[in-house]
Amino acid sequence: MTLGRTATSPHGTTCSRKRLREETARLRLPTVTVDLTTSEDELAERVSRVFRL
């Protein structure tokens, strides 16, 4: 989860949003983008679409 400009990995390292985007793209991992204006319904729809639920 990204809050602000950095996120902390499970290993305790800090990464920038740019680096996280680059790594997820490189690894071809699915992503869901969320901001403060995202409603719960929008989030559910995005997660369902990304993970084909």
PDB file of N, CA and C in Angstrom:
ATOM      1  N   MET A   1       0.845  -1.162   0.000  1.00  0.00           N
ATOM      2  CA  MET A   1       0.000   0.000   0.000  1.00  0.00           C
ATOM      3  C   MET A   1       0.894   1.228   0.000  1.00  0.00           C
ATOM      4  N   THR A   2       0.535   2.207  -0.793  1.00  0.00           N
ATOM      5  CA  THR A   2       1.321   3.424  -0.867  1.00  0.00           C
ATOM      6  C   THR A   2       0.555   4.568  -0.213  1.00  0.00           C
ATOM      7  N   LEU A   3       1.157   5.184   0.765  1.00  0.00           N
ATOM      8  CA  LEU A   3       0.601   6.362   1.407  1.00  0.00           C
ATOM      9  C   LEU A   3       1.650   7.448   1.336  1.00  0.00           C
ATOM     10  N   GLY A   4       1.336   8.523   0.649  1.00  0.00           N
ATOM     11  CA  GLY A   4       2.336   9.573   0.473  1.00  0.00           C
ATOM     12  C   GLY A   4       3.269   9.229  -0.668  1.00  0.00           C
ATOM     13  N   ARG A   5       4.541   9.527  -0.490  1.00  0.00           N
ATOM     14  CA  ARG A   5       5.490   9.354  -1.582  1.00  0.00           C
ATOM     15  C   ARG A   5       6.292   8.066  -1.524  1.00  0.00           C
ATOM     16  N   THR A   6       6.251   7.388  -0.413  1.00  0.00           N
ATOM     17  CA  THR A   6       7.038   6.167  -0.305  1.00  0.00           C
ATOM     18  C   THR A   6       6.199   5.052   0.294  1.00  0.00           C
ATOM     19  N   ALA A   7       6.665   3.846   0.112  1.00  0.00           N
ATOM     20  CA  ALA A   7       6.021   2.675   0.712  1.00  0.00           C
ATOM     21  C   ALA A   7       7.104   1.809   1.318  1.00  0.00           C
ATOM     22  N   THR A   8       6.750   1.074   2.317  1.00  0.00           N
ATOM     23  CA  THR A   8       7.706   0.184   2.961  1.00  0.00           C
ATOM     24  C   THR A   8       7.362  -1.248   2.592  1.00  0.00           C
ATOM     25  N   SER A   9       8.351  -1.980   2.123  1.00  0.00           N
ATOM     26  CA  SER A   9       8.148  -3.371   1.746  1.00  0.00           C
ATOM     27  C   SER A   9       8.090  -4.241   2.993  1.00  0.00           C
ATOM     28  N   PRO A  10       7.669  -5.515   2.828  1.00  0.00           N
ATOM     29  CA  PRO A  10       7.667  -6.426   3.982  1.00  0.00           C
ATOM     30  C   PRO A  10       9.055  -6.617   4.582  1.00  0.00           C
ATOM     31  N   HIS A  11      10.084  -6.303   3.796  1.00  0.00           N
ATOM     32  CA  HIS A  11      11.457  -6.465   4.273  1.00  0.00           C
ATOM     33  C   HIS A  11      11.986  -5.209   4.952  1.00  0.00           C
ATOM     34  N   GLY A  12      11.116  -4.180   5.049  1.00  0.00           N
ATOM     35  CA  GLY A  12      11.503  -2.966   5.742  1.00  0.00           C
ATOM     36  C   GLY A  12      12.239  -1.942   4.889  1.00  0.00           C
ATOM     37  N   THR A  13      12.348  -2.181   3.572  1.00  0.00           N
ATOM     38  CA  THR A  13      13.013  -1.212   2.713  1.00  0.00           C
ATOM     39  C   THR A  13      11.993  -0.219   2.185  1.00  0.00           C
ATOM     40  N   THR A  14      12.439   0.986   1.921  1.00  0.00           N
ATOM     41  CA  THR A  14      11.558   2.037   1.430  1.00  0.00           C
ATOM     42  C   THR A  14      11.792   2.233  -0.061  1.00  0.00           C
ATOM     43  N   CYS A  15      10.692   2.312  -0.815  1.00  0.00           N
ATOM     44  CA  CYS A  15      10.762   2.475  -2.264  1.00  0.00           C
ATOM     45  C   CYS A  15       9.906   3.666  -2.675  1.00  0.00           C
ATOM     46  N   SER A  16      10.304   4.333  -3.734  1.00  0.00           N
ATOM     47  CA  SER A  16       9.491   5.415  -4.265  1.00  0.00           C
ATOM     48  C   SER A  16       8.364   4.845  -5.101  1.00  0.00           C
ATOM     49  N   ARG A  17       7.322   5.645  -5.306  1.00  0.00           N
ATOM     50  CA  ARG A  17       6.209   5.209  -6.159  1.00  0.00           C
ATOM     51  C   ARG A  17       6.705   4.880  -7.557  1.00  0.00           C
ATOM     52  N   LYS A  18       7.624   5.685  -8.066  1.00  0.00           N
ATOM     53  CA  LYS A  18       8.161   5.451  -9.406  1.00  0.00           C
ATOM     54  C   LYS A  18       8.827   4.080  -9.468  1.00  0.00           C
ATOM     55  N   ARG A  19       9.630   3.767  -8.473  1.00  0.00           N
ATOM     56  CA  ARG A  19      10.314   2.476  -8.468  1.00  0.00           C
ATOM     57  C   ARG A  19       9.319   1.320  -8.341  1.00  0.00           C
ATOM     58  N   LEU A  20       8.293   1.500  -7.511  1.00  0.00           N
ATOM     59  CA  LEU A  20       7.265   0.466  -7.388  1.00  0.00           C
ATOM     60  C   LEU A  20       6.555   0.241  -8.713  1.00  0.00           C
ATOM     61  N   ARG A  21       6.206   1.341  -9.417  1.00  0.00           N
ATOM     62  CA  ARG A  21       5.569   1.203 -10.733  1.00  0.00           C
ATOM     63  C   ARG A  21       6.480   0.482 -11.711  1.00  0.00           C
ATOM     64  N   GLU A  22       7.764   0.841 -11.716  1.00  0.00           N
ATOM     65  CA  GLU A  22       8.726   0.199 -12.617  1.00  0.00           C
ATOM     66  C   GLU A  22       8.865  -1.286 -12.317  1.00  0.00           C
ATOM     67  N   GLU A  23       8.955  -1.621 -11.039  1.00  0.00           N
ATOM     68  CA  GLU A  23       9.125  -3.034 -10.659  1.00  0.00           C
ATOM     69  C   GLU A  23       7.878  -3.859 -10.967  1.00  0.00           C
ATOM     70  N   THR A  24       6.697  -3.321 -10.691  1.00  0.00           N
ATOM     71  CA  THR A  24       5.483  -4.082 -11.002  1.00  0.00           C
ATOM     72  C   THR A  24       5.333  -4.257 -12.508  1.00  0.00           C
ATOM     73  N   ALA A  25       5.707  -3.246 -13.287  1.00  0.00           N
ATOM     74  CA  ALA A  25       5.651  -3.371 -14.745  1.00  0.00           C
ATOM     75  C   ALA A  25       6.668  -4.411 -15.222  1.00  0.00           C
ATOM     76  N   ARG A  26       7.870  -4.361 -14.686  1.00  0.00           N
ATOM     77  CA  ARG A  26       8.915  -5.302 -15.096  1.00  0.00           C
ATOM     78  C   ARG A  26       8.511  -6.737 -14.781  1.00  0.00           C
ATOM     79  N   LEU A  27       7.890  -6.928 -13.628  1.00  0.00           N
ATOM     80  CA  LEU A  27       7.469  -8.267 -13.207  1.00  0.00           C
ATOM     81  C   LEU A  27       6.104  -8.667 -13.769  1.00  0.00           C
ATOM     82  N   ARG A  28       5.491  -7.731 -14.497  1.00  0.00           N
ATOM     83  CA  ARG A  28       4.162  -7.948 -15.092  1.00  0.00           C
ATOM     84  C   ARG A  28       3.117  -8.339 -14.042  1.00  0.00           C
ATOM     85  N   LEU A  29       3.175  -7.656 -12.909  1.00  0.00           N
ATOM     86  CA  LEU A  29       2.218  -7.891 -11.833  1.00  0.00           C
ATOM     87  C   LEU A  29       0.989  -7.010 -12.029  1.00  0.00           C
ATOM     88  N   PRO A  30      -0.187  -7.514 -11.686  1.00  0.00           N
ATOM     89  CA  PRO A  30      -1.385  -6.679 -11.781  1.00  0.00           C
ATOM     90  C   PRO A  30      -1.353  -5.589 -10.712  1.00  0.00           C
ATOM     91  N   THR A  31      -1.887  -4.443 -11.039  1.00  0.00           N
ATOM     92  CA  THR A  31      -1.930  -3.336 -10.084  1.00  0.00           C
ATOM     93  C   THR A  31      -3.315  -2.714 -10.063  1.00  0.00           C
ATOM     94  N   VAL A  32      -3.645  -2.113  -8.944  1.00  0.00           N
ATOM     95  CA  VAL A  32      -4.881  -1.360  -8.790  1.00  0.00           C
ATOM     96  C   VAL A  32      -4.483   0.002  -8.246  1.00  0.00           C
ATOM     97  N   THR A  33      -4.823   1.046  -8.985  1.00  0.00           N
ATOM     98  CA  THR A  33      -4.496   2.400  -8.564  1.00  0.00           C
ATOM     99  C   THR A  33      -5.661   2.974  -7.768  1.00  0.00           C
ATOM    100  N   VAL A  34      -5.344   3.522  -6.617  1.00  0.00           N
ATOM    101  CA  VAL A  34      -6.354   4.073  -5.714  1.00  0.00           C
ATOM    102  C   VAL A  34      -5.888   5.445  -5.243  1.00  0.00           C
ATOM    103  N   ASP A  35      -6.825   6.378  -5.175  1.00  0.00           N
ATOM    104  CA  ASP A  35      -6.512   7.674  -4.574  1.00  0.00           C
ATOM    105  C   ASP A  35      -7.640   8.045  -3.610  1.00  0.00           C
ATOM    106  N   LEU A  36      -7.566   9.215  -3.048  1.00  0.00           N
ATOM    107  CA  LEU A  36      -8.538   9.615  -2.027  1.00  0.00           C
ATOM    108  C   LEU A  36      -9.954   9.758  -2.565  1.00  0.00           C
ATOM    109  N   THR A  37     -10.103   9.909  -3.892  1.00  0.00           N
ATOM    110  CA  THR A  37     -11.442  10.077  -4.460  1.00  0.00           C
ATOM    111  C   THR A  37     -12.064   8.752  -4.890  1.00  0.00           C
ATOM    112  N   THR A  38     -11.344   7.659  -4.768  1.00  0.00           N
ATOM    113  CA  THR A  38     -11.856   6.348  -5.171  1.00  0.00           C
ATOM    114  C   THR A  38     -12.895   5.858  -4.170  1.00  0.00           C
ATOM    115  N   SER A  39     -14.081   5.542  -4.689  1.00  0.00           N
ATOM    116  CA  SER A  39     -15.127   5.026  -3.797  1.00  0.00           C
ATOM    117  C   SER A  39     -14.914   3.537  -3.562  1.00  0.00           C
ATOM    118  N   GLU A  40     -15.597   3.017  -2.569  1.00  0.00           N
ATOM    119  CA  GLU A  40     -15.499   1.596  -2.262  1.00  0.00           C
ATOM    120  C   GLU A  40     -16.001   0.759  -3.441  1.00  0.00           C
ATOM    121  N   ASP A  41     -17.063   1.206  -4.085  1.00  0.00           N
ATOM    122  CA  ASP A  41     -17.592   0.485  -5.245  1.00  0.00           C
ATOM    123  C   ASP A  41     -16.600   0.500  -6.412  1.00  0.00           C
ATOM    124  N   GLU A  42     -15.972   1.654  -6.653  1.00  0.00           N
ATOM    125  CA  GLU A  42     -14.964   1.734  -7.713  1.00  0.00           C
ATOM    126  C   GLU A  42     -13.797   0.807  -7.423  1.00  0.00           C
ATOM    127  N   LEU A  43     -13.365   0.781  -6.178  1.00  0.00           N
ATOM    128  CA  LEU A  43     -12.256  -0.092  -5.796  1.00  0.00           C
ATOM    129  C   LEU A  43     -12.624  -1.556  -6.015  1.00  0.00           C
ATOM    130  N   ALA A  44     -13.822  -1.939  -5.588  1.00  0.00           N
ATOM    131  CA  ALA A  44     -14.271  -3.322  -5.777  1.00  0.00           C
ATOM    132  C   ALA A  44     -14.296  -3.682  -7.258  1.00  0.00           C
ATOM    133  N   GLU A  45     -14.766  -2.772  -8.096  1.00  0.00           N
ATOM    134  CA  GLU A  45     -14.806  -3.003  -9.538  1.00  0.00           C
ATOM    135  C   GLU A  45     -13.396  -3.164 -10.110  1.00  0.00           C
ATOM    136  N   ARG A  46     -12.474  -2.306  -9.704  1.00  0.00           N
ATOM    137  CA  ARG A  46     -11.096  -2.383 -10.200  1.00  0.00           C
ATOM    138  C   ARG A  46     -10.420  -3.688  -9.794  1.00  0.00           C
ATOM    139  N   VAL A  47     -10.609  -4.072  -8.532  1.00  0.00           N
ATOM    140  CA  VAL A  47     -10.009  -5.330  -8.051  1.00  0.00           C
ATOM    141  C   VAL A  47     -10.604  -6.510  -8.797  1.00  0.00           C
ATOM    142  N   SER A  48     -11.922  -6.500  -8.966  1.00  0.00           N
ATOM    143  CA  SER A  48     -12.583  -7.591  -9.696  1.00  0.00           C
ATOM    144  C   SER A  48     -12.073  -7.687 -11.129  1.00  0.00           C
ATOM    145  N   ARG A  49     -11.908  -6.543 -11.770  1.00  0.00           N
ATOM    146  CA  ARG A  49     -11.441  -6.514 -13.165  1.00  0.00           C
ATOM    147  C   ARG A  49      -9.994  -7.008 -13.260  1.00  0.00           C
ATOM    148  N   VAL A  50      -9.131  -6.511 -12.390  1.00  0.00           N
ATOM    149  CA  VAL A  50      -7.704  -6.881 -12.445  1.00  0.00           C
ATOM    150  C   VAL A  50      -7.496  -8.358 -12.162  1.00  0.00           C
ATOM    151  N   PHE A  51      -8.230  -8.892 -11.162  1.00  0.00           N
ATOM    152  CA  PHE A  51      -8.033 -10.278 -10.782  1.00  0.00           C
ATOM    153  C   PHE A  51      -9.086 -11.219 -11.381  1.00  0.00           C
ATOM    154  N   ARG A  52      -9.877 -10.678 -12.307  1.00  0.00           N
ATOM    155  CA  ARG A  52     -10.887 -11.462 -13.038  1.00  0.00           C
ATOM    156  C   ARG A  52     -11.822 -12.230 -12.104  1.00  0.00           C
ATOM    157  N   LEU A  53     -12.367 -11.518 -11.138  1.00  0.00           N
ATOM    158  CA  LEU A  53     -13.300 -12.132 -10.181  1.00  0.00           C
ATOM    159  C   LEU A  53     -14.732 -11.928 -10.631  1.00  0.00           C
TER     160      LEU A  53
END
